[in-house]
Each structure stands twice: as structure tokens, then as C-alpha cells.
Amino acid sequence: SNNRSTEKTDQIKEIEQQTQSRMALHGYLKDPSSAEIRNHKGNCGEVNSKNSFGGYVGFRRFIASSAIVAVEGENMNADEFQKAWETVCQ
């Protein structure tokens, strides 16, 4: 039964990580209430949200944690983002 409790702990950690990730992302976005998030696993996922003109920009990859929020094509150049994605998200 010990293995089961480890699985549960991992699951709780994953949920906490994802919650922190979502909160960090929402703190970064101009219009967090408009955010659509998909394929969210850990600190990585895709987000579609409205820009300052009120239009949706389309889904873009993001990396979000309490330490950093990076949205592809927004606040980090493409090469840096790709490197970070490969490091954090694979």
C-alpha cells in the first residue's frame, strides 16, 4: 500500500504545481478572465487570451511558475523559448 500513497502524493504535488502555474499565468495576462487554457501539464501548456484590443490572439505555448511566466512570441525570443520549453516541458 506504500506505493499507492506515493502515487497520491505525486498527484497532489502535480495539482499544486498546476494550480501555481495557472495563478502565475493569470497574474501575467492582461485579461485573465478571458483565458482559455489547454494541454496544461505541470508548468507548461497553451493559452489563448484577449490582447489589449479585446481580440483573441490564438493559442500559444506558455511556461508558468511562481518564478517565471513566459508566453511564446510575447516576452521571450523564439530561440530562448524553445530551449526553455525543451528543458522544462519534455
PDB file of N, CA and C in Angstrom:
ATOM      1  N   SER A   1       0.830  -1.215   0.000  1.00  0.00           N
ATOM      2  CA  SER A   1       0.000   0.000   0.000  1.00  0.00           C
ATOM      3  C   SER A   1       0.863   1.264   0.000  1.00  0.00           C
ATOM      4  N   ASN A   2       2.152   1.093   0.341  1.00  0.00           N
ATOM      5  CA  ASN A   2       3.057   2.244   0.384  1.00  0.00           C
ATOM      6  C   ASN A   2       3.172   2.925  -0.984  1.00  0.00           C
ATOM      7  N   ASN A   3       3.186   2.107  -2.028  1.00  0.00           N
ATOM      8  CA  ASN A   3       3.296   2.626  -3.384  1.00  0.00           C
ATOM      9  C   ASN A   3       2.110   3.528  -3.731  1.00  0.00           C
ATOM     10  N   ARG A   4       0.942   3.140  -3.252  1.00  0.00           N
ATOM     11  CA  ARG A   4      -0.264   3.915  -3.532  1.00  0.00           C
ATOM     12  C   ARG A   4      -0.186   5.310  -2.909  1.00  0.00           C
ATOM     13  N   SER A   5       0.330   5.397  -1.682  1.00  0.00           N
ATOM     14  CA  SER A   5       0.426   6.702  -1.027  1.00  0.00           C
ATOM     15  C   SER A   5       1.439   7.605  -1.741  1.00  0.00           C
ATOM     16  N   THR A   6       2.500   7.012  -2.278  1.00  0.00           N
ATOM     17  CA  THR A   6       3.473   7.782  -3.056  1.00  0.00           C
ATOM     18  C   THR A   6       2.809   8.348  -4.304  1.00  0.00           C
ATOM     19  N   GLU A   7       2.010   7.525  -4.963  1.00  0.00           N
ATOM     20  CA  GLU A   7       1.274   7.981  -6.155  1.00  0.00           C
ATOM     21  C   GLU A   7       0.361   9.140  -5.807  1.00  0.00           C
ATOM     22  N   LYS A   8      -0.324   9.029  -4.674  1.00  0.00           N
ATOM     23  CA  LYS A   8      -1.243  10.075  -4.248  1.00  0.00           C
ATOM     24  C   LYS A   8      -0.480  11.371  -3.973  1.00  0.00           C
ATOM     25  N   THR A   9       0.655  11.260  -3.306  1.00  0.00           N
ATOM     26  CA  THR A   9       1.485  12.431  -3.024  1.00  0.00           C
ATOM     27  C   THR A   9       1.935  13.088  -4.329  1.00  0.00           C
ATOM     28  N   ASP A  10       2.361  12.285  -5.281  1.00  0.00           N
ATOM     29  CA  ASP A  10       2.778  12.812  -6.588  1.00  0.00           C
ATOM     30  C   ASP A  10       1.624  13.530  -7.271  1.00  0.00           C
ATOM     31  N   GLN A  11       0.448  12.949  -7.171  1.00  0.00           N
ATOM     32  CA  GLN A  11      -0.735  13.531  -7.798  1.00  0.00           C
ATOM     33  C   GLN A  11      -1.062  14.884  -7.157  1.00  0.00           C
ATOM     34  N   ILE A  12      -0.970  14.949  -5.832  1.00  0.00           N
ATOM     35  CA  ILE A  12      -1.231  16.198  -5.123  1.00  0.00           C
ATOM     36  C   ILE A  12      -0.195  17.245  -5.519  1.00  0.00           C
ATOM     37  N   LYS A  13       1.076  16.848  -5.586  1.00  0.00           N
ATOM     38  CA  LYS A  13       2.152  17.764  -5.993  1.00  0.00           C
ATOM     39  C   LYS A  13       1.883  18.310  -7.388  1.00  0.00           C
ATOM     40  N   GLU A  14       1.441  17.421  -8.272  1.00  0.00           N
ATOM     41  CA  GLU A  14       1.169  17.819  -9.659  1.00  0.00           C
ATOM     42  C   GLU A  14       0.028  18.832  -9.712  1.00  0.00           C
ATOM     43  N   ILE A  15      -1.015  18.591  -8.918  1.00  0.00           N
ATOM     44  CA  ILE A  15      -2.161  19.506  -8.878  1.00  0.00           C
ATOM     45  C   ILE A  15      -1.723  20.864  -8.317  1.00  0.00           C
ATOM     46  N   GLU A  16      -0.914  20.834  -7.258  1.00  0.00           N
ATOM     47  CA  GLU A  16      -0.416  22.084  -6.672  1.00  0.00           C
ATOM     48  C   GLU A  16       0.430  22.860  -7.672  1.00  0.00           C
ATOM     49  N   GLN A  17       1.307  22.131  -8.361  1.00  0.00           N
ATOM     50  CA  GLN A  17       2.185  22.764  -9.351  1.00  0.00           C
ATOM     51  C   GLN A  17       1.340  23.417 -10.445  1.00  0.00           C
ATOM     52  N   GLN A  18       0.325  22.691 -10.897  1.00  0.00           N
ATOM     53  CA  GLN A  18      -0.523  23.191 -11.958  1.00  0.00           C
ATOM     54  C   GLN A  18      -1.332  24.405 -11.503  1.00  0.00           C
ATOM     55  N   THR A  19      -1.793  24.369 -10.251  1.00  0.00           N
ATOM     56  CA  THR A  19      -2.545  25.497  -9.699  1.00  0.00           C
ATOM     57  C   THR A  19      -1.665  26.736  -9.607  1.00  0.00           C
ATOM     58  N   GLN A  20      -0.443  26.565  -9.096  1.00  0.00           N
ATOM     59  CA  GLN A  20       0.504  27.682  -9.011  1.00  0.00           C
ATOM     60  C   GLN A  20       0.819  28.216 -10.401  1.00  0.00           C
ATOM     61  N   SER A  21       0.965  27.314 -11.345  1.00  0.00           N
ATOM     62  CA  SER A  21       1.254  27.683 -12.723  1.00  0.00           C
ATOM     63  C   SER A  21       0.125  28.545 -13.295  1.00  0.00           C
ATOM     64  N   ARG A  22      -1.108  28.094 -13.069  1.00  0.00           N
ATOM     65  CA  ARG A  22      -2.285  28.820 -13.568  1.00  0.00           C
ATOM     66  C   ARG A  22      -2.399  30.204 -12.923  1.00  0.00           C
ATOM     67  N   MET A  23      -2.136  30.262 -11.607  1.00  0.00           N
ATOM     68  CA  MET A  23      -2.206  31.543 -10.912  1.00  0.00           C
ATOM     69  C   MET A  23      -1.153  32.518 -11.437  1.00  0.00           C
ATOM     70  N   ALA A  24       0.053  32.006 -11.667  1.00  0.00           N
ATOM     71  CA  ALA A  24       1.127  32.845 -12.197  1.00  0.00           C
ATOM     72  C   ALA A  24       0.771  33.355 -13.591  1.00  0.00           C
ATOM     73  N   LEU A  25       0.229  32.459 -14.419  1.00  0.00           N
ATOM     74  CA  LEU A  25      -0.174  32.832 -15.774  1.00  0.00           C
ATOM     75  C   LEU A  25      -1.264  33.899 -15.728  1.00  0.00           C
ATOM     76  N   HIS A  26      -2.272  33.685 -14.880  1.00  0.00           N
ATOM     77  CA  HIS A  26      -3.365  34.651 -14.749  1.00  0.00           C
ATOM     78  C   HIS A  26      -2.864  36.015 -14.276  1.00  0.00           C
ATOM     79  N   GLY A  27      -1.848  35.999 -13.394  1.00  0.00           N
ATOM     80  CA  GLY A  27      -1.256  37.253 -12.926  1.00  0.00           C
ATOM     81  C   GLY A  27      -0.550  38.015 -14.032  1.00  0.00           C
ATOM     82  N   TYR A  28      -0.072  37.283 -15.019  1.00  0.00           N
ATOM     83  CA  TYR A  28       0.681  37.875 -16.130  1.00  0.00           C
ATOM     84  C   TYR A  28      -0.241  38.429 -17.226  1.00  0.00           C
ATOM     85  N   LEU A  29      -1.338  37.733 -17.485  1.00  0.00           N
ATOM     86  CA  LEU A  29      -2.200  38.084 -18.623  1.00  0.00           C
ATOM     87  C   LEU A  29      -2.917  39.412 -18.423  1.00  0.00           C
ATOM     88  N   LYS A  30      -3.138  40.138 -19.528  1.00  0.00           N
ATOM     89  CA  LYS A  30      -3.860  41.410 -19.477  1.00  0.00           C
ATOM     90  C   LYS A  30      -5.321  41.195 -19.102  1.00  0.00           C
ATOM     91  N   ASP A  31      -5.898  40.114 -19.616  1.00  0.00           N
ATOM     92  CA  ASP A  31      -7.320  39.841 -19.359  1.00  0.00           C
ATOM     93  C   ASP A  31      -7.479  38.384 -18.942  1.00  0.00           C
ATOM     94  N   PRO A  32      -7.099  38.067 -17.690  1.00  0.00           N
ATOM     95  CA  PRO A  32      -7.085  36.667 -17.265  1.00  0.00           C
ATOM     96  C   PRO A  32      -8.453  35.980 -17.329  1.00  0.00           C
ATOM     97  N   SER A  33      -9.524  36.756 -17.177  1.00  0.00           N
ATOM     98  CA  SER A  33     -10.854  36.141 -17.219  1.00  0.00           C
ATOM     99  C   SER A  33     -11.188  35.607 -18.605  1.00  0.00           C
ATOM    100  N   SER A  34     -10.468  36.084 -19.623  1.00  0.00           N
ATOM    101  CA  SER A  34     -10.730  35.635 -20.998  1.00  0.00           C
ATOM    102  C   SER A  34      -9.887  34.413 -21.374  1.00  0.00           C
ATOM    103  N   ALA A  35      -8.985  34.004 -20.487  1.00  0.00           N
ATOM    104  CA  ALA A  35      -8.008  32.972 -20.842  1.00  0.00           C
ATOM    105  C   ALA A  35      -8.644  31.606 -21.073  1.00  0.00           C
ATOM    106  N   GLU A  36      -8.266  30.993 -22.180  1.00  0.00           N
ATOM    107  CA  GLU A  36      -8.603  29.589 -22.441  1.00  0.00           C
ATOM    108  C   GLU A  36      -7.283  28.836 -22.352  1.00  0.00           C
ATOM    109  N   ILE A  37      -7.249  27.803 -21.524  1.00  0.00           N
ATOM    110  CA  ILE A  37      -6.011  27.039 -21.338  1.00  0.00           C
ATOM    111  C   ILE A  37      -6.255  25.603 -21.772  1.00  0.00           C
ATOM    112  N   ARG A  38      -5.304  25.039 -22.521  1.00  0.00           N
ATOM    113  CA  ARG A  38      -5.424  23.629 -22.918  1.00  0.00           C
ATOM    114  C   ARG A  38      -4.052  22.958 -22.801  1.00  0.00           C
ATOM    115  N   ASN A  39      -4.079  21.623 -22.795  1.00  0.00           N
ATOM    116  CA  ASN A  39      -2.850  20.816 -22.715  1.00  0.00           C
ATOM    117  C   ASN A  39      -1.951  21.258 -21.564  1.00  0.00           C
ATOM    118  N   HIS A  40      -2.565  21.602 -20.437  1.00  0.00           N
ATOM    119  CA  HIS A  40      -1.802  22.105 -19.289  1.00  0.00           C
ATOM    120  C   HIS A  40      -1.280  20.925 -18.484  1.00  0.00           C
ATOM    121  N   LYS A  41       0.042  20.800 -18.431  1.00  0.00           N
ATOM    122  CA  LYS A  41       0.670  19.753 -17.629  1.00  0.00           C
ATOM    123  C   LYS A  41       1.832  20.368 -16.871  1.00  0.00           C
ATOM    124  N   GLY A  42       1.776  20.302 -15.558  1.00  0.00           N
ATOM    125  CA  GLY A  42       2.832  20.915 -14.760  1.00  0.00           C
ATOM    126  C   GLY A  42       2.870  22.412 -14.982  1.00  0.00           C
ATOM    127  N   ASN A  43       4.038  22.915 -15.394  1.00  0.00           N
ATOM    128  CA  ASN A  43       4.195  24.354 -15.634  1.00  0.00           C
ATOM    129  C   ASN A  43       4.006  24.737 -17.096  1.00  0.00           C
ATOM    130  N   CYS A  44       3.590  23.789 -17.927  1.00  0.00           N
ATOM    131  CA  CYS A  44       3.562  24.029 -19.369  1.00  0.00           C
ATOM    132  C   CYS A  44       2.165  23.832 -19.934  1.00  0.00           C
ATOM    133  N   GLY A  45       1.867  24.571 -20.982  1.00  0.00           N
ATOM    134  CA  GLY A  45       0.586  24.401 -21.642  1.00  0.00           C
ATOM    135  C   GLY A  45       0.436  25.379 -22.779  1.00  0.00           C
ATOM    136  N   GLU A  46      -0.817  25.562 -23.197  1.00  0.00           N
ATOM    137  CA  GLU A  46      -1.130  26.516 -24.253  1.00  0.00           C
ATOM    138  C   GLU A  46      -2.235  27.435 -23.759  1.00  0.00           C
ATOM    139  N   VAL A  47      -2.121  28.690 -24.108  1.00  0.00           N
ATOM    140  CA  VAL A  47      -3.120  29.668 -23.676  1.00  0.00           C
ATOM    141  C   VAL A  47      -3.576  30.516 -24.857  1.00  0.00           C
ATOM    142  N   ASN A  48      -4.858  30.821 -24.850  1.00  0.00           N
ATOM    143  CA  ASN A  48      -5.436  31.778 -25.781  1.00  0.00           C
ATOM    144  C   ASN A  48      -6.121  32.825 -24.917  1.00  0.00           C
ATOM    145  N   SER A  49      -5.770  34.071 -25.106  1.00  0.00           N
ATOM    146  CA  SER A  49      -6.416  35.118 -24.320  1.00  0.00           C
ATOM    147  C   SER A  49      -6.545  36.382 -25.159  1.00  0.00           C
ATOM    148  N   LYS A  50      -7.309  37.327 -24.640  1.00  0.00           N
ATOM    149  CA  LYS A  50      -7.522  38.574 -25.370  1.00  0.00           C
ATOM    150  C   LYS A  50      -6.342  39.507 -25.161  1.00  0.00           C
ATOM    151  N   ASN A  51      -6.025  40.238 -26.228  1.00  0.00           N
ATOM    152  CA  ASN A  51      -4.971  41.250 -26.114  1.00  0.00           C
ATOM    153  C   ASN A  51      -5.580  42.578 -25.664  1.00  0.00           C
ATOM    154  N   SER A  52      -4.773  43.626 -25.652  1.00  0.00           N
ATOM    155  CA  SER A  52      -5.263  44.921 -25.163  1.00  0.00           C
ATOM    156  C   SER A  52      -6.353  45.515 -26.055  1.00  0.00           C
ATOM    157  N   PHE A  53      -6.517  44.982 -27.270  1.00  0.00           N
ATOM    158  CA  PHE A  53      -7.580  45.457 -28.161  1.00  0.00           C
ATOM    159  C   PHE A  53      -8.853  44.635 -28.019  1.00  0.00           C
ATOM    160  N   GLY A  54      -8.819  43.624 -27.153  1.00  0.00           N
ATOM    161  CA  GLY A  54     -10.021  42.826 -26.912  1.00  0.00           C
ATOM    162  C   GLY A  54     -10.220  41.682 -27.885  1.00  0.00           C
ATOM    163  N   GLY A  55      -9.199  41.391 -28.720  1.00  0.00           N
ATOM    164  CA  GLY A  55      -9.307  40.277 -29.673  1.00  0.00           C
ATOM    165  C   GLY A  55      -8.495  39.083 -29.210  1.00  0.00           C
ATOM    166  N   TYR A  56      -9.007  37.900 -29.490  1.00  0.00           N
ATOM    167  CA  TYR A  56      -8.238  36.694 -29.157  1.00  0.00           C
ATOM    168  C   TYR A  56      -7.040  36.562 -30.089  1.00  0.00           C
ATOM    169  N   VAL A  57      -5.920  36.129 -29.537  1.00  0.00           N
ATOM    170  CA  VAL A  57      -4.678  36.077 -30.316  1.00  0.00           C
ATOM    171  C   VAL A  57      -4.361  34.675 -30.834  1.00  0.00           C
ATOM    172  N   GLY A  58      -5.090  33.673 -30.362  1.00  0.00           N
ATOM    173  CA  GLY A  58      -4.817  32.295 -30.765  1.00  0.00           C
ATOM    174  C   GLY A  58      -3.968  31.600 -29.712  1.00  0.00           C
ATOM    175  N   PHE A  59      -3.993  30.268 -29.722  1.00  0.00           N
ATOM    176  CA  PHE A  59      -3.273  29.515 -28.707  1.00  0.00           C
ATOM    177  C   PHE A  59      -1.769  29.620 -28.898  1.00  0.00           C
ATOM    178  N   ARG A  60      -1.077  29.902 -27.802  1.00  0.00           N
ATOM    179  CA  ARG A  60       0.380  29.934 -27.800  1.00  0.00           C
ATOM    180  C   ARG A  60       0.886  29.143 -26.601  1.00  0.00           C
ATOM    181  N   ARG A  61       2.056  28.560 -26.755  1.00  0.00           N
ATOM    182  CA  ARG A  61       2.626  27.796 -25.642  1.00  0.00           C
ATOM    183  C   ARG A  61       3.046  28.742 -24.526  1.00  0.00           C
ATOM    184  N   PHE A  62       2.946  28.253 -23.299  1.00  0.00           N
ATOM    185  CA  PHE A  62       3.426  29.025 -22.164  1.00  0.00           C
ATOM    186  C   PHE A  62       4.179  28.130 -21.194  1.00  0.00           C
ATOM    187  N   ILE A  63       5.064  28.755 -20.437  1.00  0.00           N
ATOM    188  CA  ILE A  63       5.714  28.131 -19.293  1.00  0.00           C
ATOM    189  C   ILE A  63       5.429  29.076 -18.133  1.00  0.00           C
ATOM    190  N   ALA A  64       4.793  28.578 -17.087  1.00  0.00           N
ATOM    191  CA  ALA A  64       4.423  29.457 -15.980  1.00  0.00           C
ATOM    192  C   ALA A  64       4.665  28.768 -14.651  1.00  0.00           C
ATOM    193  N   SER A  65       5.369  29.468 -13.783  1.00  0.00           N
ATOM    194  CA  SER A  65       5.570  29.003 -12.406  1.00  0.00           C
ATOM    195  C   SER A  65       5.606  30.244 -11.535  1.00  0.00           C
ATOM    196  N   SER A  66       5.769  30.042 -10.236  1.00  0.00           N
ATOM    197  CA  SER A  66       5.856  31.209  -9.350  1.00  0.00           C
ATOM    198  C   SER A  66       7.110  32.033  -9.659  1.00  0.00           C
ATOM    199  N   ALA A  67       8.100  31.406 -10.292  1.00  0.00           N
ATOM    200  CA  ALA A  67       9.356  32.111 -10.584  1.00  0.00           C
ATOM    201  C   ALA A  67       9.350  32.839 -11.929  1.00  0.00           C
ATOM    202  N   ILE A  68       8.658  32.283 -12.927  1.00  0.00           N
ATOM    203  CA  ILE A  68       8.733  32.849 -14.279  1.00  0.00           C
ATOM    204  C   ILE A  68       7.444  32.585 -15.043  1.00  0.00           C
ATOM    205  N   VAL A  69       7.058  33.553 -15.871  1.00  0.00           N
ATOM    206  CA  VAL A  69       5.983  33.322 -16.836  1.00  0.00           C
ATOM    207  C   VAL A  69       6.514  33.720 -18.199  1.00  0.00           C
ATOM    208  N   ALA A  70       6.502  32.772 -19.120  1.00  0.00           N
ATOM    209  CA  ALA A  70       6.936  33.043 -20.491  1.00  0.00           C
ATOM    210  C   ALA A  70       5.844  32.585 -21.440  1.00  0.00           C
ATOM    211  N   VAL A  71       5.454  33.470 -22.338  1.00  0.00           N
ATOM    212  CA  VAL A  71       4.470  33.122 -23.360  1.00  0.00           C
ATOM    213  C   VAL A  71       5.150  33.250 -24.712  1.00  0.00           C
ATOM    214  N   GLU A  72       5.037  32.196 -25.505  1.00  0.00           N
ATOM    215  CA  GLU A  72       5.710  32.146 -26.801  1.00  0.00           C
ATOM    216  C   GLU A  72       5.352  33.361 -27.652  1.00  0.00           C
ATOM    217  N   GLY A  73       6.363  33.998 -28.196  1.00  0.00           N
ATOM    218  CA  GLY A  73       6.139  35.134 -29.095  1.00  0.00           C
ATOM    219  C   GLY A  73       5.740  36.406 -28.375  1.00  0.00           C
ATOM    220  N   GLU A  74       5.837  36.409 -27.041  1.00  0.00           N
ATOM    221  CA  GLU A  74       5.416  37.604 -26.318  1.00  0.00           C
ATOM    222  C   GLU A  74       6.548  38.244 -25.533  1.00  0.00           C
ATOM    223  N   ASN A  75       7.056  37.545 -24.535  1.00  0.00           N
ATOM    224  CA  ASN A  75       8.047  38.178 -23.659  1.00  0.00           C
ATOM    225  C   ASN A  75       9.387  37.438 -23.637  1.00  0.00           C
ATOM    226  N   MET A  76       9.590  36.586 -24.640  1.00  0.00           N
ATOM    227  CA  MET A  76      10.862  35.864 -24.741  1.00  0.00           C
ATOM    228  C   MET A  76      11.090  35.557 -26.207  1.00  0.00           C
ATOM    229  N   ASN A  77      12.330  35.686 -26.677  1.00  0.00           N
ATOM    230  CA  ASN A  77      12.526  35.410 -28.106  1.00  0.00           C
ATOM    231  C   ASN A  77      12.352  33.917 -28.398  1.00  0.00           C
ATOM    232  N   ALA A  78      12.083  33.603 -29.638  1.00  0.00           N
ATOM    233  CA  ALA A  78      11.675  32.251 -30.041  1.00  0.00           C
ATOM    234  C   ALA A  78      12.707  31.184 -29.688  1.00  0.00           C
ATOM    235  N   ASP A  79      13.985  31.481 -29.914  1.00  0.00           N
ATOM    236  CA  ASP A  79      15.043  30.501 -29.625  1.00  0.00           C
ATOM    237  C   ASP A  79      15.123  30.210 -28.135  1.00  0.00           C
ATOM    238  N   GLU A  80      15.079  31.270 -27.323  1.00  0.00           N
ATOM    239  CA  GLU A  80      15.131  31.117 -25.865  1.00  0.00           C
ATOM    240  C   GLU A  80      13.919  30.331 -25.380  1.00  0.00           C
ATOM    241  N   PHE A  81      12.763  30.668 -25.927  1.00  0.00           N
ATOM    242  CA  PHE A  81      11.544  29.976 -25.500  1.00  0.00           C
ATOM    243  C   PHE A  81      11.642  28.490 -25.824  1.00  0.00           C
ATOM    244  N   GLN A  82      12.102  28.175 -27.029  1.00  0.00           N
ATOM    245  CA  GLN A  82      12.216  26.778 -27.451  1.00  0.00           C
ATOM    246  C   GLN A  82      13.167  26.011 -26.528  1.00  0.00           C
ATOM    247  N   LYS A  83      14.292  26.625 -26.194  1.00  0.00           N
ATOM    248  CA  LYS A  83      15.250  25.993 -25.268  1.00  0.00           C
ATOM    249  C   LYS A  83      14.604  25.746 -23.915  1.00  0.00           C
ATOM    250  N   ALA A  84      13.914  26.755 -23.405  1.00  0.00           N
ATOM    251  CA  ALA A  84      13.248  26.633 -22.098  1.00  0.00           C
ATOM    252  C   ALA A  84      12.184  25.533 -22.153  1.00  0.00           C
ATOM    253  N   TRP A  85      11.424  25.507 -23.263  1.00  0.00           N
ATOM    254  CA  TRP A  85      10.361  24.503 -23.427  1.00  0.00           C
ATOM    255  C   TRP A  85      10.954  23.099 -23.403  1.00  0.00           C
ATOM    256  N   GLU A  86      12.053  22.905 -24.139  1.00  0.00           N
ATOM    257  CA  GLU A  86      12.697  21.601 -24.190  1.00  0.00           C
ATOM    258  C   GLU A  86      13.252  21.183 -22.830  1.00  0.00           C
ATOM    259  N   THR A  87      13.719  22.165 -22.054  1.00  0.00           N
ATOM    260  CA  THR A  87      14.273  21.880 -20.736  1.00  0.00           C
ATOM    261  C   THR A  87      13.178  21.550 -19.723  1.00  0.00           C
ATOM    262  N   VAL A  88      12.128  22.357 -19.712  1.00  0.00           N
ATOM    263  CA  VAL A  88      11.107  22.278 -18.655  1.00  0.00           C
ATOM    264  C   VAL A  88       9.960  21.330 -19.005  1.00  0.00           C
ATOM    265  N   CYS A  89       9.626  21.253 -20.272  1.00  0.00           N
ATOM    266  CA  CYS A  89       8.334  20.670 -20.654  1.00  0.00           C
ATOM    267  C   CYS A  89       8.395  19.291 -21.275  1.00  0.00           C
ATOM    268  N   GLN A  90       9.586  18.769 -21.599  1.00  0.00           N
ATOM    269  CA  GLN A  90       9.603  17.473 -22.292  1.00  0.00           C
ATOM    270  C   GLN A  90       9.597  16.312 -21.314  1.00  0.00           C
TER     271      GLN A  90
END
